[in-house]
PDB file of N, CA and C in Angstrom:
ATOM      1  N   MET A   1       8.910   1.955   4.574  1.00  0.00           N
ATOM      2  CA  MET A   1       8.126   2.716   5.838  1.00  0.00           C
ATOM      3  C   MET A   1       8.960   1.969   6.826  1.00  0.00           C
ATOM      4  N   VAL A   2       8.831   3.337   7.869  1.00  0.00           N
ATOM      5  CA  VAL A   2       9.139   3.343   9.080  1.00  0.00           C
ATOM      6  C   VAL A   2       7.909   2.042   9.920  1.00  0.00           C
ATOM      7  N   ASN A   3       8.716   1.439  11.001  1.00  0.00           N
ATOM      8  CA  ASN A   3       7.896   0.789  11.982  1.00  0.00           C
ATOM      9  C   ASN A   3       8.095   0.575  13.584  1.00  0.00           C
ATOM     10  N   SER A   4       7.313   1.428  13.786  1.00  0.00           N
ATOM     11  CA  SER A   4       7.414   1.436  15.249  1.00  0.00           C
ATOM     12  C   SER A   4       7.041   0.459  16.372  1.00  0.00           C
ATOM     13  N   VAL A   5       7.379   0.274  17.167  1.00  0.00           N
ATOM     14  CA  VAL A   5       6.947  -1.159  18.156  1.00  0.00           C
ATOM     15  C   VAL A   5       6.636  -0.602  19.612  1.00  0.00           C
ATOM     16  N   ILE A   6       5.556  -1.193  19.753  1.00  0.00           N
ATOM     17  CA  ILE A   6       5.372  -0.760  21.428  1.00  0.00           C
ATOM     18  C   ILE A   6       5.287  -2.385  22.158  1.00  0.00           C
ATOM     19  N   GLU A   7       6.026  -2.494  22.693  1.00  0.00           N
ATOM     20  CA  GLU A   7       6.409  -3.666  23.171  1.00  0.00           C
ATOM     21  C   GLU A   7       5.147  -4.130  24.834  1.00  0.00           C
ATOM     22  N   LYS A   8       5.577  -5.459  24.844  1.00  0.00           N
ATOM     23  CA  LYS A   8       4.648  -5.861  25.967  1.00  0.00           C
ATOM     24  C   LYS A   8       4.440  -5.309  27.261  1.00  0.00           C
ATOM     25  N   ASP A   9       5.679  -4.674  27.575  1.00  0.00           N
ATOM     26  CA  ASP A   9       5.846  -4.106  28.710  1.00  0.00           C
ATOM     27  C   ASP A   9       5.744  -2.500  29.138  1.00  0.00           C
ATOM     28  N   VAL A  10       5.347  -2.132  28.092  1.00  0.00           N
ATOM     29  CA  VAL A  10       5.311  -0.544  27.870  1.00  0.00           C
ATOM     30  C   VAL A  10       3.552  -0.210  27.676  1.00  0.00           C
ATOM     31  N   THR A  11       3.372   1.053  28.488  1.00  0.00           N
ATOM     32  CA  THR A  11       2.035   1.561  28.459  1.00  0.00           C
ATOM     33  C   THR A  11       2.234   3.167  28.599  1.00  0.00           C
ATOM     34  N   ILE A  12       1.618   3.097  26.814  1.00  0.00           N
ATOM     35  CA  ILE A  12       1.735   4.993  26.575  1.00  0.00           C
ATOM     36  C   ILE A  12       0.352   5.307  27.011  1.00  0.00           C
ATOM     37  N   GLU A  13       0.428   6.677  27.662  1.00  0.00           N
ATOM     38  CA  GLU A  13      -0.788   7.393  27.683  1.00  0.00           C
ATOM     39  C   GLU A  13      -0.576   8.813  27.186  1.00  0.00           C
ATOM     40  N   GLY A  14      -1.425   8.993  25.698  1.00  0.00           N
ATOM     41  CA  GLY A  14      -1.020  10.337  25.145  1.00  0.00           C
ATOM     42  C   GLY A  14      -1.350   9.862  23.730  1.00  0.00           C
ATOM     43  N   ASN A  15      -1.413  10.917  23.130  1.00  0.00           N
ATOM     44  CA  ASN A  15      -1.712  10.412  21.310  1.00  0.00           C
ATOM     45  C   ASN A  15       0.045  10.550  20.897  1.00  0.00           C
ATOM     46  N   ILE A  16      -0.274   8.990  19.680  1.00  0.00           N
ATOM     47  CA  ILE A  16       1.039   8.504  18.852  1.00  0.00           C
ATOM     48  C   ILE A  16       0.431   9.446  17.460  1.00  0.00           C
ATOM     49  N   THR A  17       1.522   9.882  16.497  1.00  0.00           N
ATOM     50  CA  THR A  17       1.486  10.135  15.314  1.00  0.00           C
ATOM     51  C   THR A  17       2.614   9.294  14.562  1.00  0.00           C
ATOM     52  N   SER A  18       2.243   8.946  13.241  1.00  0.00           N
ATOM     53  CA  SER A  18       3.814   8.562  12.787  1.00  0.00           C
ATOM     54  C   SER A  18       2.983   8.641  11.109  1.00  0.00           C
ATOM     55  N   SER A  19       3.601   9.892  10.749  1.00  0.00           N
ATOM     56  CA  SER A  19       2.980  10.325   9.534  1.00  0.00           C
ATOM     57  C   SER A  19       3.600   9.450   8.023  1.00  0.00           C
ATOM     58  N   LYS A  20       4.604   8.829   8.144  1.00  0.00           N
ATOM     59  CA  LYS A  20       4.881   8.167   6.911  1.00  0.00           C
ATOM     60  C   LYS A  20       5.166   6.179   7.709  1.00  0.00           C
ATOM     61  N   GLY A  21       4.508   6.188   8.610  1.00  0.00           N
ATOM     62  CA  GLY A  21       5.564   4.593   9.009  1.00  0.00           C
ATOM     63  C   GLY A  21       4.025   3.900   9.607  1.00  0.00           C
ATOM     64  N   SER A  22       4.566   2.470   9.935  1.00  0.00           N
ATOM     65  CA  SER A  22       3.136   1.860  10.732  1.00  0.00           C
ATOM     66  C   SER A  22       3.623   1.736  12.113  1.00  0.00           C
ATOM     67  N   VAL A  23       2.597   1.590  12.660  1.00  0.00           N
ATOM     68  CA  VAL A  23       3.080   0.974  14.361  1.00  0.00           C
ATOM     69  C   VAL A  23       2.361  -0.160  14.892  1.00  0.00           C
ATOM     70  N   GLU A  24       3.008  -0.681  15.585  1.00  0.00           N
ATOM     71  CA  GLU A  24       2.473  -1.988  16.091  1.00  0.00           C
ATOM     72  C   GLU A  24       2.219  -1.872  17.563  1.00  0.00           C
ATOM     73  N   VAL A  25       1.030  -2.350  18.263  1.00  0.00           N
ATOM     74  CA  VAL A  25       0.984  -2.306  19.411  1.00  0.00           C
ATOM     75  C   VAL A  25       0.842  -3.882  20.048  1.00  0.00           C
ATOM     76  N   ARG A  26       2.070  -4.088  20.692  1.00  0.00           N
ATOM     77  CA  ARG A  26       2.094  -5.096  21.654  1.00  0.00           C
ATOM     78  C   ARG A  26       1.650  -5.062  23.404  1.00  0.00           C
ATOM     79  N   GLY A  27       1.794  -3.484  23.560  1.00  0.00           N
ATOM     80  CA  GLY A  27       1.747  -3.365  25.058  1.00  0.00           C
ATOM     81  C   GLY A  27       0.104  -2.704  25.009  1.00  0.00           C
ATOM     82  N   ARG A  28       0.352  -1.606  25.812  1.00  0.00           N
ATOM     83  CA  ARG A  28      -0.942  -0.700  25.885  1.00  0.00           C
ATOM     84  C   ARG A  28      -0.809   0.659  25.371  1.00  0.00           C
ATOM     85  N   VAL A  29      -1.818   1.483  24.595  1.00  0.00           N
ATOM     86  CA  VAL A  29      -1.747   2.810  24.664  1.00  0.00           C
ATOM     87  C   VAL A  29      -3.262   3.109  25.477  1.00  0.00           C
ATOM     88  N   VAL A  30      -2.882   4.310  25.174  1.00  0.00           N
ATOM     89  CA  VAL A  30      -4.201   5.058  26.177  1.00  0.00           C
ATOM     90  C   VAL A  30      -4.106   6.367  25.279  1.00  0.00           C
ATOM     91  N   GLY A  31      -5.075   6.534  24.142  1.00  0.00           N
ATOM     92  CA  GLY A  31      -4.916   8.048  23.622  1.00  0.00           C
ATOM     93  C   GLY A  31      -4.983   7.450  22.439  1.00  0.00           C
ATOM     94  N   ASP A  32      -4.933   8.673  21.084  1.00  0.00           N
ATOM     95  CA  ASP A  32      -5.652   8.568  19.772  1.00  0.00           C
ATOM     96  C   ASP A  32      -4.283   8.035  19.297  1.00  0.00           C
ATOM     97  N   LEU A  33      -4.260   7.153  18.003  1.00  0.00           N
ATOM     98  CA  LEU A  33      -2.997   6.844  17.116  1.00  0.00           C
ATOM     99  C   LEU A  33      -3.456   7.002  15.259  1.00  0.00           C
ATOM    100  N   SER A  34      -2.260   7.615  14.984  1.00  0.00           N
ATOM    101  CA  SER A  34      -2.782   8.115  13.946  1.00  0.00           C
ATOM    102  C   SER A  34      -1.295   7.687  13.000  1.00  0.00           C
ATOM    103  N   ALA A  35      -1.163   7.014  11.948  1.00  0.00           N
ATOM    104  CA  ALA A  35      -0.102   5.961  11.170  1.00  0.00           C
ATOM    105  C   ALA A  35      -0.864   5.517   9.874  1.00  0.00           C
ATOM    106  N   GLN A  36       0.010   5.034   8.998  1.00  0.00           N
ATOM    107  CA  GLN A  36       0.073   4.843   7.831  1.00  0.00           C
ATOM    108  C   GLN A  36      -0.810   3.019   7.721  1.00  0.00           C
ATOM    109  N   ALA A  37      -0.195   2.544   8.875  1.00  0.00           N
ATOM    110  CA  ALA A  37      -0.878   1.019   9.299  1.00  0.00           C
ATOM    111  C   ALA A  37      -0.718   1.446  10.821  1.00  0.00           C
ATOM    112  N   VAL A  38      -1.731   0.400  11.312  1.00  0.00           N
ATOM    113  CA  VAL A  38      -1.945   0.311  12.978  1.00  0.00           C
ATOM    114  C   VAL A  38      -2.330  -1.541  12.750  1.00  0.00           C
ATOM    115  N   THR A  39      -1.520  -1.679  13.630  1.00  0.00           N
ATOM    116  CA  THR A  39      -1.519  -3.391  14.183  1.00  0.00           C
ATOM    117  C   THR A  39      -1.895  -3.365  15.688  1.00  0.00           C
ATOM    118  N   VAL A  40      -2.817  -3.676  15.871  1.00  0.00           N
ATOM    119  CA  VAL A  40      -2.762  -4.072  17.537  1.00  0.00           C
ATOM    120  C   VAL A  40      -3.112  -5.724  17.846  1.00  0.00           C
ATOM    121  N   HIS A  41      -1.868  -6.398  18.220  1.00  0.00           N
ATOM    122  CA  HIS A  41      -1.681  -7.277  18.044  1.00  0.00           C
ATOM    123  C   HIS A  41      -2.213  -8.146  19.105  1.00  0.00           C
ATOM    124  N   ALA A  42      -2.359  -9.796  19.517  1.00  0.00           N
ATOM    125  CA  ALA A  42      -2.771 -10.093  20.317  1.00  0.00           C
ATOM    126  C   ALA A  42      -2.212 -10.051  21.656  1.00  0.00           C
ATOM    127  N   GLY A  43      -2.931  -9.713  22.736  1.00  0.00           N
ATOM    128  CA  GLY A  43      -2.353  -9.223  24.105  1.00  0.00           C
ATOM    129  C   GLY A  43      -2.238  -7.924  24.053  1.00  0.00           C
ATOM    130  N   GLY A  44      -2.270  -6.707  22.986  1.00  0.00           N
ATOM    131  CA  GLY A  44      -2.137  -5.682  23.095  1.00  0.00           C
ATOM    132  C   GLY A  44      -3.503  -5.117  23.278  1.00  0.00           C
ATOM    133  N   THR A  45      -3.574  -3.694  23.392  1.00  0.00           N
ATOM    134  CA  THR A  45      -4.843  -3.084  24.312  1.00  0.00           C
ATOM    135  C   THR A  45      -4.842  -1.322  23.744  1.00  0.00           C
ATOM    136  N   VAL A  46      -5.509  -1.123  22.945  1.00  0.00           N
ATOM    137  CA  VAL A  46      -5.833   0.348  22.591  1.00  0.00           C
ATOM    138  C   VAL A  46      -7.103   0.628  22.936  1.00  0.00           C
ATOM    139  N   ASP A  47      -6.981   2.345  23.464  1.00  0.00           N
ATOM    140  CA  ASP A  47      -8.470   3.018  24.203  1.00  0.00           C
ATOM    141  C   ASP A  47      -8.062   4.180  23.756  1.00  0.00           C
ATOM    142  N   GLY A  48      -8.483   4.358  22.620  1.00  0.00           N
ATOM    143  CA  GLY A  48      -8.564   5.917  21.904  1.00  0.00           C
ATOM    144  C   GLY A  48      -9.091   5.384  20.345  1.00  0.00           C
ATOM    145  N   ALA A  49      -8.694   6.446  19.492  1.00  0.00           N
ATOM    146  CA  ALA A  49      -9.037   6.797  17.881  1.00  0.00           C
ATOM    147  C   ALA A  49      -7.846   6.165  17.218  1.00  0.00           C
ATOM    148  N   LEU A  50      -8.435   5.664  16.403  1.00  0.00           N
ATOM    149  CA  LEU A  50      -7.591   4.948  15.137  1.00  0.00           C
ATOM    150  C   LEU A  50      -7.474   5.349  13.643  1.00  0.00           C
ATOM    151  N   SER A  51      -6.621   6.147  13.336  1.00  0.00           N
ATOM    152  CA  SER A  51      -6.988   6.660  12.436  1.00  0.00           C
ATOM    153  C   SER A  51      -5.638   6.155  11.263  1.00  0.00           C
ATOM    154  N   ALA A  52      -6.144   5.609  10.331  1.00  0.00           N
ATOM    155  CA  ALA A  52      -4.667   4.816   9.497  1.00  0.00           C
ATOM    156  C   ALA A  52      -5.769   4.266   8.216  1.00  0.00           C
ATOM    157  N   LYS A  53      -4.572   4.270   7.123  1.00  0.00           N
ATOM    158  CA  LYS A  53      -5.199   3.384   5.971  1.00  0.00           C
ATOM    159  C   LYS A  53      -5.327   2.007   6.208  1.00  0.00           C
ATOM    160  N   SER A  54      -4.589   1.508   6.890  1.00  0.00           N
ATOM    161  CA  SER A  54      -4.968  -0.149   6.941  1.00  0.00           C
ATOM    162  C   SER A  54      -4.640  -0.490   8.594  1.00  0.00           C
ATOM    163  N   VAL A  55      -5.706  -0.678   9.213  1.00  0.00           N
ATOM    164  CA  VAL A  55      -5.974  -1.583  10.626  1.00  0.00           C
ATOM    165  C   VAL A  55      -6.370  -2.914  10.548  1.00  0.00           C
ATOM    166  N   THR A  56      -5.250  -3.656  11.870  1.00  0.00           N
ATOM    167  CA  THR A  56      -5.247  -4.711  11.746  1.00  0.00           C
ATOM    168  C   THR A  56      -5.487  -4.742  13.265  1.00  0.00           C
ATOM    169  N   VAL A  57      -6.659  -5.557  13.812  1.00  0.00           N
ATOM    170  CA  VAL A  57      -7.028  -5.683  15.419  1.00  0.00           C
ATOM    171  C   VAL A  57      -7.039  -7.193  15.800  1.00  0.00           C
ATOM    172  N   GLU A  58      -6.013  -7.686  16.271  1.00  0.00           N
ATOM    173  CA  GLU A  58      -5.579  -9.148  16.933  1.00  0.00           C
ATOM    174  C   GLU A  58      -6.108  -8.986  18.347  1.00  0.00           C
ATOM    175  N   GLY A  59      -6.116  -7.795  18.997  1.00  0.00           N
ATOM    176  CA  GLY A  59      -6.065  -7.568  20.460  1.00  0.00           C
ATOM    177  C   GLY A  59      -7.215  -7.017  20.833  1.00  0.00           C
ATOM    178  N   ILE A  60      -7.280  -6.332  21.794  1.00  0.00           N
ATOM    179  CA  ILE A  60      -8.291  -5.468  22.429  1.00  0.00           C
ATOM    180  C   ILE A  60      -8.526  -4.349  21.954  1.00  0.00           C
ATOM    181  N   TYR A  61      -9.390  -3.659  21.560  1.00  0.00           N
ATOM    182  CA  TYR A  61      -9.585  -2.260  21.260  1.00  0.00           C
ATOM    183  C   TYR A  61     -10.909  -1.632  21.406  1.00  0.00           C
ATOM    184  N   SER A  62     -10.595  -0.519  22.057  1.00  0.00           N
ATOM    185  CA  SER A  62     -12.102   0.357  22.261  1.00  0.00           C
ATOM    186  C   SER A  62     -11.957   1.759  21.736  1.00  0.00           C
ATOM    187  N   GLY A  63     -12.968   2.439  21.086  1.00  0.00           N
ATOM    188  CA  GLY A  63     -13.013   3.785  20.515  1.00  0.00           C
ATOM    189  C   GLY A  63     -13.592   3.736  19.221  1.00  0.00           C
ATOM    190  N   LYS A  64     -12.549   4.759  18.283  1.00  0.00           N
ATOM    191  CA  LYS A  64     -13.370   5.103  17.036  1.00  0.00           C
ATOM    192  C   LYS A  64     -12.188   4.667  16.385  1.00  0.00           C
ATOM    193  N   ILE A  65     -12.779   4.289  14.951  1.00  0.00           N
ATOM    194  CA  ILE A  65     -11.984   3.424  13.933  1.00  0.00           C
ATOM    195  C   ILE A  65     -12.350   4.396  12.658  1.00  0.00           C
ATOM    196  N   GLN A  66     -11.225   4.866  12.040  1.00  0.00           N
ATOM    197  CA  GLN A  66     -11.421   5.317  10.477  1.00  0.00           C
ATOM    198  C   GLN A  66     -10.239   4.983   9.838  1.00  0.00           C
ATOM    199  N   CYS A  67     -10.434   4.218   8.855  1.00  0.00           N
ATOM    200  CA  CYS A  67      -9.880   3.403   8.081  1.00  0.00           C
ATOM    201  C   CYS A  67     -10.099   3.237   6.640  1.00  0.00           C
ATOM    202  N   GLU A  68      -9.461   2.673   5.440  1.00  0.00           N
ATOM    203  CA  GLU A  68      -9.714   2.419   4.079  1.00  0.00           C
ATOM    204  C   GLU A  68      -9.968   0.896   4.486  1.00  0.00           C
ATOM    205  N   ASP A  69      -9.031   0.375   4.898  1.00  0.00           N
ATOM    206  CA  ASP A  69      -8.857  -1.437   5.143  1.00  0.00           C
ATOM    207  C   ASP A  69      -8.850  -2.008   6.356  1.00  0.00           C
ATOM    208  N   LEU A  70      -9.769  -2.710   7.240  1.00  0.00           N
ATOM    209  CA  LEU A  70      -9.963  -3.520   8.455  1.00  0.00           C
ATOM    210  C   LEU A  70      -9.842  -4.613   8.506  1.00  0.00           C
ATOM    211  N   ARG A  71      -8.901  -5.179   9.030  1.00  0.00           N
ATOM    212  CA  ARG A  71      -9.156  -6.595   9.378  1.00  0.00           C
ATOM    213  C   ARG A  71      -9.307  -6.931  11.043  1.00  0.00           C
ATOM    214  N   LEU A  72     -10.011  -7.892  11.120  1.00  0.00           N
ATOM    215  CA  LEU A  72     -10.440  -8.368  13.021  1.00  0.00           C
ATOM    216  C   LEU A  72     -10.116  -9.901  12.687  1.00  0.00           C
ATOM    217  N   ALA A  73      -8.872  -9.848  13.533  1.00  0.00           N
ATOM    218  CA  ALA A  73      -8.999 -11.594  13.663  1.00  0.00           C
ATOM    219  C   ALA A  73      -9.610 -12.058  14.532  1.00  0.00           C
ATOM    220  N   ALA A  74      -9.202 -13.444  14.570  1.00  0.00           N
ATOM    221  CA  ALA A  74     -10.387 -14.048  15.382  1.00  0.00           C
ATOM    222  C   ALA A  74     -10.173 -13.859  16.705  1.00  0.00           C
ATOM    223  N   SER A  75      -9.291 -13.301  17.381  1.00  0.00           N
ATOM    224  CA  SER A  75      -8.902 -13.044  18.953  1.00  0.00           C
ATOM    225  C   SER A  75      -9.250 -11.459  19.252  1.00  0.00           C
ATOM    226  N   SER A  76      -9.744 -11.194  18.252  1.00  0.00           N
ATOM    227  CA  SER A  76     -10.311  -9.408  18.310  1.00  0.00           C
ATOM    228  C   SER A  76     -11.350  -9.166  19.036  1.00  0.00           C
ATOM    229  N   GLN A  77     -11.108  -8.448  20.214  1.00  0.00           N
ATOM    230  CA  GLN A  77     -12.396  -7.506  21.046  1.00  0.00           C
ATOM    231  C   GLN A  77     -12.385  -6.798  20.665  1.00  0.00           C
ATOM    232  N   VAL A  78     -13.388  -5.942  19.945  1.00  0.00           N
ATOM    233  CA  VAL A  78     -13.821  -4.373  19.700  1.00  0.00           C
ATOM    234  C   VAL A  78     -14.613  -3.722  19.960  1.00  0.00           C
ATOM    235  N   LYS A  79     -14.799  -2.704  20.435  1.00  0.00           N
ATOM    236  CA  LYS A  79     -15.814  -2.089  20.966  1.00  0.00           C
ATOM    237  C   LYS A  79     -15.706  -0.389  20.096  1.00  0.00           C
ATOM    238  N   ALA A  80     -16.368  -0.262  19.398  1.00  0.00           N
ATOM    239  CA  ALA A  80     -15.990   0.659  18.381  1.00  0.00           C
ATOM    240  C   ALA A  80     -16.940   1.317  17.362  1.00  0.00           C
ATOM    241  N   ASP A  81     -16.940   2.739  17.098  1.00  0.00           N
ATOM    242  CA  ASP A  81     -17.682   3.090  15.791  1.00  0.00           C
ATOM    243  C   ASP A  81     -16.364   2.868  14.777  1.00  0.00           C
ATOM    244  N   VAL A  82     -17.010   2.404  13.622  1.00  0.00           N
ATOM    245  CA  VAL A  82     -16.414   2.238  12.676  1.00  0.00           C
ATOM    246  C   VAL A  82     -16.507   2.629  11.282  1.00  0.00           C
ATOM    247  N   SER A  83     -15.644   3.262  10.887  1.00  0.00           N
ATOM    248  CA  SER A  83     -16.145   3.762   9.381  1.00  0.00           C
ATOM    249  C   SER A  83     -14.662   3.070   8.206  1.00  0.00           C
ATOM    250  N   ALA A  84     -15.341   2.308   7.786  1.00  0.00           N
ATOM    251  CA  ALA A  84     -14.031   1.653   6.891  1.00  0.00           C
ATOM    252  C   ALA A  84     -14.207   1.850   5.183  1.00  0.00           C
ATOM    253  N   GLN A  85     -13.782   1.690   4.198  1.00  0.00           N
ATOM    254  CA  GLN A  85     -13.929   1.479   2.805  1.00  0.00           C
ATOM    255  C   GLN A  85     -14.306  -0.113   2.766  1.00  0.00           C
ATOM    256  N   SER A  86     -13.278  -0.723   3.193  1.00  0.00           N
ATOM    257  CA  SER A  86     -13.282  -2.660   3.295  1.00  0.00           C
ATOM    258  C   SER A  86     -13.106  -3.251   4.790  1.00  0.00           C
ATOM    259  N   MET A  87     -13.898  -4.134   5.230  1.00  0.00           N
ATOM    260  CA  MET A  87     -13.519  -4.957   6.404  1.00  0.00           C
ATOM    261  C   MET A  87     -13.378  -6.107   6.346  1.00  0.00           C
ATOM    262  N   ALA A  88     -12.810  -7.041   6.732  1.00  0.00           N
ATOM    263  CA  ALA A  88     -12.636  -8.569   6.380  1.00  0.00           C
ATOM    264  C   ALA A  88     -12.757  -9.149   8.307  1.00  0.00           C
ATOM    265  N   THR A  89     -13.714 -10.067   8.623  1.00  0.00           N
ATOM    266  CA  THR A  89     -13.611 -10.372   9.973  1.00  0.00           C
ATOM    267  C   THR A  89     -13.469 -11.348  10.040  1.00  0.00           C
ATOM    268  N   GLU A  90     -12.531 -12.458  10.660  1.00  0.00           N
ATOM    269  CA  GLU A  90     -12.636 -13.778  11.065  1.00  0.00           C
ATOM    270  C   GLU A  90     -13.243 -14.375  11.849  1.00  0.00           C
ATOM    271  N   SER A  91     -13.805 -15.562  12.002  1.00  0.00           N
ATOM    272  CA  SER A  91     -14.917 -16.208  12.563  1.00  0.00           C
ATOM    273  C   SER A  91     -14.308 -16.243  14.054  1.00  0.00           C
ATOM    274  N   GLY A  92     -15.343 -15.964  14.882  1.00  0.00           N
ATOM    275  CA  GLY A  92     -14.261 -15.793  16.391  1.00  0.00           C
ATOM    276  C   GLY A  92     -14.342 -14.406  16.837  1.00  0.00           C
ATOM    277  N   ALA A  93     -14.532 -13.325  15.676  1.00  0.00           N
ATOM    278  CA  ALA A  93     -13.817 -12.019  16.356  1.00  0.00           C
ATOM    279  C   ALA A  93     -15.667 -11.560  17.433  1.00  0.00           C
ATOM    280  N   GLN A  94     -14.610 -10.510  18.193  1.00  0.00           N
ATOM    281  CA  GLN A  94     -16.399  -9.987  18.925  1.00  0.00           C
ATOM    282  C   GLN A  94     -16.020  -8.440  18.220  1.00  0.00           C
ATOM    283  N   VAL A  95     -17.148  -7.936  18.038  1.00  0.00           N
ATOM    284  CA  VAL A  95     -17.357  -6.618  17.792  1.00  0.00           C
ATOM    285  C   VAL A  95     -18.613  -6.118  18.669  1.00  0.00           C
ATOM    286  N   GLU A  96     -18.742  -4.983  18.920  1.00  0.00           N
ATOM    287  CA  GLU A  96     -19.569  -4.245  19.116  1.00  0.00           C
ATOM    288  C   GLU A  96     -19.577  -2.739  18.914  1.00  0.00           C
ATOM    289  N   GLY A  97     -20.644  -2.123  18.336  1.00  0.00           N
ATOM    290  CA  GLY A  97     -20.637  -0.837  18.322  1.00  0.00           C
ATOM    291  C   GLY A  97     -21.070  -0.420  16.818  1.00  0.00           C
ATOM    292  N   THR A  98     -20.956   0.754  16.319  1.00  0.00           N
ATOM    293  CA  THR A  98     -21.629   0.992  14.673  1.00  0.00           C
ATOM    294  C   THR A  98     -20.348   0.625  13.835  1.00  0.00           C
ATOM    295  N   ILE A  99     -20.772   0.267  12.421  1.00  0.00           N
ATOM    296  CA  ILE A  99     -20.127  -0.072  11.599  1.00  0.00           C
ATOM    297  C   ILE A  99     -20.628   0.285  10.384  1.00  0.00           C
ATOM    298  N   ARG A 100     -19.908   1.251   9.425  1.00  0.00           N
ATOM    299  CA  ARG A 100     -20.322   1.780   8.640  1.00  0.00           C
ATOM    300  C   ARG A 100     -19.042   1.651   7.310  1.00  0.00           C
ATOM    301  N   ILE A 101     -19.553   0.967   6.432  1.00  0.00           N
ATOM    302  CA  ILE A 101     -18.279   0.163   5.183  1.00  0.00           C
ATOM    303  C   ILE A 101     -18.883   1.001   3.884  1.00  0.00           C
ATOM    304  N   ALA A 102     -18.172   1.986   3.371  1.00  0.00           N
ATOM    305  CA  ALA A 102     -18.459   2.814   2.298  1.00  0.00           C
ATOM    306  C   ALA A 102     -18.248   1.917   1.160  1.00  0.00           C
ATOM    307  N   GLY A 103     -17.267   1.089   1.150  1.00  0.00           N
ATOM    308  CA  GLY A 103     -17.056  -0.007  -0.122  1.00  0.00           C
ATOM    309  C   GLY A 103     -15.691   1.165  -1.033  1.00  0.00           C
ATOM    310  N   LYS A 104     -15.059   0.568  -1.630  1.00  0.00           N
ATOM    311  CA  LYS A 104     -14.251   1.005  -2.665  1.00  0.00           C
ATOM    312  C   LYS A 104     -14.349   2.039  -3.630  1.00  0.00           C
ATOM    313  N   LYS A 105     -13.726   3.154  -3.585  1.00  0.00           N
ATOM    314  CA  LYS A 105     -14.306   4.126  -4.489  1.00  0.00           C
ATOM    315  C   LYS A 105     -13.321   3.943  -5.935  1.00  0.00           C
ATOM    316  N   GLY A 106     -14.218   4.475  -7.407  1.00  0.00           N
ATOM    317  CA  GLY A 106     -13.402   4.183  -8.261  1.00  0.00           C
ATOM    318  C   GLY A 106     -13.895   3.035  -9.401  1.00  0.00           C
TER     319      GLY A 106
END
């Protein structure tokens, strides 16, 4: 799997798509992000829709999340409408919005 990293000093305005890889956000993204896996690291910020198989949020996120597996770290600050099959939330995570967990299929 290809891994793309948006570093701390980088701000991207626009949509990002990685059809076969993962995207790590340490900086700021303003736009929609689609990949196999997305990680918003502590100190990272994303404003836009996230679509991925696996999403991990350690930083700040605002938008709409659609994924299979969602993990929210204790340091995360999330304002989103969430649609996922499974979700793990560490104590201390801040979440505001609508959350729909469908459960694993099969």
